[in-house]
N, C-alpha and C. Protein backbone atom coordinates (compact mmCIF):
# COMPACT_ATOMS: atom_id res chain seq x y z
N MET A 1 0.75 -1.25 0.02
CA MET A 1 -0.14 -0.22 0.03
C MET A 1 0.84 1.15 0.01
N VAL A 2 0.85 1.87 -1.26
CA VAL A 2 1.71 2.99 -1.39
C VAL A 2 1.10 4.57 -0.57
N GLY A 3 -0.14 4.27 -0.82
CA GLY A 3 -0.86 5.62 -0.09
C GLY A 3 -0.36 6.28 1.01
N PRO A 4 -0.49 5.19 1.77
CA PRO A 4 -0.28 5.78 3.51
C PRO A 4 1.08 5.82 3.71
N GLY A 5 2.13 4.93 2.83
CA GLY A 5 3.23 5.53 3.19
C GLY A 5 3.96 6.69 2.74
N ILE A 6 3.33 7.12 1.47
CA ILE A 6 3.63 8.52 0.86
C ILE A 6 2.92 9.42 1.92
N MET A 7 1.67 9.45 2.34
CA MET A 7 1.02 10.26 3.32
C MET A 7 1.91 10.42 4.65
N GLN A 8 2.44 9.08 5.15
CA GLN A 8 3.37 9.23 6.45
C GLN A 8 4.63 10.18 6.13
N GLY A 9 5.00 9.88 4.98
CA GLY A 9 6.41 10.57 4.66
C GLY A 9 6.38 11.91 4.47
N ILE A 10 5.10 12.40 3.66
CA ILE A 10 4.72 14.09 3.73
C ILE A 10 4.67 14.33 5.07
N ASN A 11 3.81 13.59 5.95
CA ASN A 11 3.32 14.14 7.37
C ASN A 11 4.85 14.41 7.96
N THR A 12 5.99 13.29 7.85
CA THR A 12 6.96 13.48 8.75
C THR A 12 7.48 14.70 8.37
N LEU A 13 7.85 14.87 6.91
CA LEU A 13 8.66 16.21 6.69
C LEU A 13 8.06 17.26 6.91
N MET A 14 6.80 17.58 6.78
CA MET A 14 5.88 19.09 7.24
C MET A 14 6.16 19.11 8.84
N VAL A 15 6.08 18.07 9.54
CA VAL A 15 6.32 18.21 11.19
C VAL A 15 7.62 18.66 11.46
N ALA A 16 8.45 17.68 10.91
CA ALA A 16 10.06 18.10 11.01
C ALA A 16 10.13 19.71 10.50
N GLY A 17 9.99 19.94 9.35
CA GLY A 17 9.95 21.22 8.98
C GLY A 17 9.58 22.39 9.48
N ILE A 18 8.43 22.18 10.34
CA ILE A 18 7.96 23.17 11.21
C ILE A 18 8.48 22.97 12.61
N ALA A 19 8.64 22.05 13.19
CA ALA A 19 9.13 21.78 14.45
C ALA A 19 10.24 22.02 14.86
N ILE A 20 11.17 21.65 13.91
CA ILE A 20 12.79 21.70 14.20
C ILE A 20 12.96 23.40 14.34
N PRO A 21 12.53 24.02 13.16
CA PRO A 21 12.89 25.79 13.40
C PRO A 21 12.15 26.20 14.57
N MET A 22 11.17 25.66 14.93
CA MET A 22 10.32 26.02 16.09
C MET A 22 11.16 25.99 17.36
N MET A 23 11.65 24.80 17.65
CA MET A 23 12.63 24.51 18.65
C MET A 23 13.91 25.12 18.70
N ALA A 24 14.33 25.68 17.34
CA ALA A 24 15.62 26.45 17.35
C ALA A 24 15.36 27.70 17.84
N VAL A 25 14.21 28.48 17.46
CA VAL A 25 13.75 29.65 17.81
C VAL A 25 13.36 30.11 19.25
N LEU A 26 12.80 28.69 19.84
CA LEU A 26 12.32 28.91 21.32
C LEU A 26 13.38 28.58 22.48
N SER A 27 14.34 27.53 21.99
CA SER A 27 15.17 27.34 23.07
C SER A 27 16.57 26.61 21.97
N PRO A 28 17.42 27.49 21.61
CA PRO A 28 18.50 26.66 20.69
C PRO A 28 19.05 25.48 21.39
N ARG A 29 19.66 25.63 22.63
CA ARG A 29 20.52 24.94 23.54
C ARG A 29 19.61 23.64 23.65
N LEU A 30 18.17 23.69 24.06
CA LEU A 30 17.66 22.33 24.20
C LEU A 30 17.13 21.61 22.93
N ALA A 31 17.10 22.69 21.91
CA ALA A 31 17.02 21.85 20.54
C ALA A 31 18.08 21.08 20.25
N LEU A 32 19.29 21.58 20.62
CA LEU A 32 20.59 20.88 20.20
C LEU A 32 20.68 19.63 21.10
N TYR A 33 20.30 19.48 22.25
CA TYR A 33 20.33 18.29 23.19
C TYR A 33 19.34 17.40 22.65
N ILE A 34 18.39 17.79 21.77
CA ILE A 34 17.33 16.85 21.46
C ILE A 34 17.85 16.23 20.09
N LEU A 35 18.19 17.12 19.28
CA LEU A 35 18.73 16.70 17.84
C LEU A 35 20.03 16.10 17.74
N VAL A 36 20.86 16.42 18.84
CA VAL A 36 22.38 15.58 18.55
C VAL A 36 22.08 13.96 18.60
N PRO A 37 21.43 13.60 19.69
CA PRO A 37 21.32 11.96 19.76
C PRO A 37 20.26 11.44 18.65
N MET A 38 19.74 11.83 17.75
CA MET A 38 18.80 11.75 16.87
C MET A 38 19.45 10.60 16.04
N PRO A 39 20.81 10.98 15.24
CA PRO A 39 21.49 9.92 14.42
C PRO A 39 21.67 8.35 15.24
N LEU A 40 22.21 8.64 16.58
CA LEU A 40 22.36 7.62 16.95
C LEU A 40 21.25 6.63 17.51
N LEU A 41 20.26 7.28 17.80
CA LEU A 41 19.00 6.68 18.17
C LEU A 41 18.63 5.90 16.51
N ALA A 42 18.55 6.46 15.55
CA ALA A 42 18.32 5.77 14.31
C ALA A 42 19.09 4.69 14.07
N VAL A 43 20.33 4.60 14.30
CA VAL A 43 21.40 3.51 14.15
C VAL A 43 20.99 2.35 15.06
N MET A 44 20.88 2.90 16.28
CA MET A 44 20.63 1.65 17.16
C MET A 44 19.16 1.09 17.06
N THR A 45 18.28 1.93 16.62
CA THR A 45 16.87 1.33 16.09
C THR A 45 16.95 0.43 15.01
N ASN A 46 17.73 0.71 13.99
CA ASN A 46 17.98 -0.11 12.74
C ASN A 46 18.75 -1.41 13.25
N LEU A 47 19.86 -1.42 14.23
CA LEU A 47 20.81 -2.64 14.72
C LEU A 47 19.59 -3.54 15.35
N LEU A 48 18.99 -2.95 16.34
CA LEU A 48 17.99 -3.73 17.37
C LEU A 48 16.93 -4.24 16.44
N GLY A 49 16.46 -3.70 15.52
CA GLY A 49 15.43 -4.26 14.72
C GLY A 49 15.97 -5.52 13.94
N GLY A 50 17.19 -5.23 13.54
CA GLY A 50 17.43 -6.42 12.75
C GLY A 50 17.75 -7.72 13.53
N VAL A 51 18.23 -7.43 14.70
CA VAL A 51 18.44 -8.34 15.88
C VAL A 51 17.08 -9.18 16.18
N ALA A 52 16.32 -8.29 16.46
CA ALA A 52 14.84 -9.02 16.84
C ALA A 52 14.16 -9.63 15.59
N HIS A 53 14.45 -9.21 14.49
CA HIS A 53 13.99 -9.89 13.11
C HIS A 53 14.57 -11.11 13.23
N ARG A 54 15.84 -11.49 13.26
CA ARG A 54 16.50 -12.59 13.14
C ARG A 54 16.14 -13.57 14.23
N ARG A 55 16.03 -13.04 15.42
CA ARG A 55 15.52 -13.99 16.46
C ARG A 55 14.02 -14.27 16.13
N PHE A 56 13.30 -13.54 15.89
CA PHE A 56 11.69 -13.85 15.25
C PHE A 56 11.84 -14.93 14.27
N LEU A 57 12.76 -14.86 13.35
CA LEU A 57 12.77 -16.02 12.29
C LEU A 57 13.10 -17.13 12.91
N ALA A 58 14.10 -17.39 13.60
CA ALA A 58 14.53 -18.61 14.37
C ALA A 58 13.44 -19.32 15.24
N ILE A 59 12.56 -18.48 15.81
CA ILE A 59 11.86 -18.74 16.66
C ILE A 59 10.48 -19.38 15.79
N GLN A 60 10.35 -18.76 14.84
CA GLN A 60 9.28 -19.21 13.73
C GLN A 60 9.61 -20.64 13.34
N LYS A 61 11.11 -20.61 12.95
CA LYS A 61 11.35 -22.09 12.52
C LYS A 61 11.31 -23.15 13.38
N ARG A 62 11.56 -23.03 14.60
CA ARG A 62 11.42 -23.79 15.89
C ARG A 62 9.88 -24.28 15.90
N PHE A 63 8.94 -23.09 15.93
CA PHE A 63 7.66 -23.39 15.88
C PHE A 63 7.29 -24.64 14.82
N SER A 64 7.70 -23.98 13.52
CA SER A 64 7.38 -24.87 12.21
C SER A 64 7.74 -26.27 12.40
N GLU A 65 9.02 -26.62 12.77
CA GLU A 65 9.38 -27.99 13.20
C GLU A 65 8.60 -28.49 14.26
N LEU A 66 8.14 -27.93 15.27
CA LEU A 66 7.51 -28.63 16.17
C LEU A 66 6.01 -28.89 15.70
N SER A 67 5.56 -28.15 14.90
CA SER A 67 4.10 -28.16 14.18
C SER A 67 4.28 -29.21 13.29
N ALA A 68 5.28 -29.59 12.56
CA ALA A 68 5.38 -30.62 11.68
C ALA A 68 5.37 -32.04 12.51
N SER A 69 6.29 -32.00 13.61
CA SER A 69 6.36 -33.28 14.39
C SER A 69 5.13 -33.72 15.00
N VAL A 70 4.27 -32.56 15.50
CA VAL A 70 2.86 -33.04 16.21
C VAL A 70 2.06 -33.48 14.93
N GLN A 71 2.12 -32.93 13.79
CA GLN A 71 1.21 -33.49 12.66
C GLN A 71 1.70 -34.92 12.20
N GLU A 72 3.00 -35.20 12.27
CA GLU A 72 3.26 -36.55 12.00
C GLU A 72 2.70 -37.30 13.13
N SER A 73 2.88 -37.14 14.39
CA SER A 73 2.48 -37.87 15.49
C SER A 73 0.83 -38.30 15.34
N LEU A 74 0.18 -37.13 15.06
CA LEU A 74 -1.32 -37.08 15.09
C LEU A 74 -1.39 -38.17 13.95
N ALA A 75 -1.02 -38.05 12.82
CA ALA A 75 -1.27 -38.92 11.45
C ALA A 75 -1.22 -40.32 11.91
N GLY A 76 0.04 -40.52 12.52
CA GLY A 76 0.40 -41.90 12.99
C GLY A 76 -0.67 -42.42 13.79
N ILE A 77 -1.26 -41.81 15.15
CA ILE A 77 -1.99 -42.30 15.83
C ILE A 77 -3.54 -42.50 15.14
N ARG A 78 -3.77 -41.54 14.14
CA ARG A 78 -4.83 -41.77 13.14
C ARG A 78 -4.89 -43.34 12.38
N VAL A 79 -3.71 -43.76 12.18
CA VAL A 79 -3.59 -44.77 11.27
C VAL A 79 -3.48 -46.15 12.21
N ILE A 80 -3.09 -45.75 13.47
CA ILE A 80 -3.06 -47.17 14.49
C ILE A 80 -4.56 -47.11 15.01
N ARG A 81 -5.42 -46.26 15.02
CA ARG A 81 -6.68 -46.49 15.27
C ARG A 81 -7.58 -46.97 14.57
N ARG A 82 -7.20 -46.60 13.18
CA ARG A 82 -7.86 -47.33 12.00
C ARG A 82 -7.59 -48.90 11.85
N VAL A 83 -6.48 -48.95 12.14
CA VAL A 83 -5.89 -50.55 11.88
C VAL A 83 -6.58 -51.35 13.19
N CYS A 84 -6.47 -50.77 14.45
CA CYS A 84 -7.22 -51.42 15.36
C CYS A 84 -8.71 -51.45 15.00
N ALA A 85 -9.27 -50.45 14.76
CA ALA A 85 -10.97 -50.41 14.21
C ALA A 85 -11.11 -51.90 13.48
N ARG A 86 -10.36 -51.83 12.47
CA ARG A 86 -10.52 -52.90 11.39
C ARG A 86 -10.39 -54.27 11.93
N THR A 87 -9.25 -54.47 12.84
CA THR A 87 -8.96 -55.59 13.61
C THR A 87 -10.26 -56.07 14.58
N ARG A 88 -10.43 -54.97 15.20
CA ARG A 88 -11.76 -55.20 16.03
C ARG A 88 -13.15 -55.70 15.36
N SER A 89 -13.54 -55.10 14.06
CA SER A 89 -14.52 -55.24 13.40
C SER A 89 -14.43 -56.54 12.68
N ALA A 90 -13.15 -56.94 12.39
CA ALA A 90 -13.14 -58.42 11.81
C ALA A 90 -13.00 -59.29 12.81
N THR A 91 -12.78 -59.08 14.16
CA THR A 91 -12.86 -60.07 15.22
C THR A 91 -14.20 -60.36 15.42
N HIS A 92 -14.89 -59.06 15.62
CA HIS A 92 -16.56 -59.31 15.94
C HIS A 92 -17.18 -59.87 14.67
N SER A 93 -16.83 -59.68 13.53
CA SER A 93 -17.50 -60.38 12.40
C SER A 93 -17.62 -61.65 12.25
N TRP A 94 -16.35 -62.02 11.89
CA TRP A 94 -15.80 -63.48 11.82
C TRP A 94 -15.68 -64.44 12.87
N ARG A 95 -15.61 -63.70 13.94
CA ARG A 95 -15.04 -64.78 15.11
C ARG A 95 -13.86 -65.84 15.04
N THR A 96 -13.00 -65.10 13.92
CA THR A 96 -11.89 -66.04 13.58
C THR A 96 -10.41 -65.52 14.33
N ILE A 97 -10.62 -64.22 14.18
CA ILE A 97 -9.34 -63.59 14.81
C ILE A 97 -9.44 -63.20 16.18
N ARG A 98 -8.51 -63.48 17.07
CA ARG A 98 -8.64 -63.24 18.46
C ARG A 98 -7.38 -62.25 18.93
N ILE A 99 -8.19 -61.31 19.63
CA ILE A 99 -6.98 -60.16 20.14
C ILE A 99 -6.25 -60.71 21.51
N THR A 100 -5.26 -60.86 21.34
CA THR A 100 -4.67 -61.24 22.71
C THR A 100 -4.59 -60.24 23.71
N SER A 101 -4.50 -60.49 25.06
CA SER A 101 -4.51 -59.43 25.80
C SER A 101 -3.40 -58.24 25.86
N ASP A 102 -2.27 -58.97 25.11
CA ASP A 102 -0.94 -57.97 25.21
C ASP A 102 -1.14 -57.19 24.01
N SER A 103 -2.23 -57.22 23.23
CA SER A 103 -2.43 -56.46 22.01
C SER A 103 -2.30 -54.83 22.17
N THR A 104 -1.71 -54.14 21.22
CA THR A 104 -1.47 -52.70 21.31
C THR A 104 -2.72 -51.78 21.01
N CYS A 105 -3.75 -52.86 20.47
CA CYS A 105 -5.13 -52.14 20.22
C CYS A 105 -6.13 -51.87 21.14
N ASP A 106 -5.57 -52.10 22.57
CA ASP A 106 -6.67 -51.85 23.65
C ASP A 106 -6.78 -50.66 24.14
């Protein structure tokens, strides 16, 4: 969405174009105290934003791996239940297959 980005950029330029000269007129010393650390703040924000983004991606990767593992486990559980259900239905219908007490389908 380009529209809001352009609007924000113009808004920032307009506010800075008005606020900075007003600060300089009202109190030049205070304006200097405020404006000197701004480049450092911009650099720090950029660096910390990159660190946060890399950590976020690493956490997302771990969640993805966990989700895949859980999905595989659930699929395996469904297969086991289907096999047990078929074995039980075959046992009840034909009475030829007996499930022992040590069966994993209990």
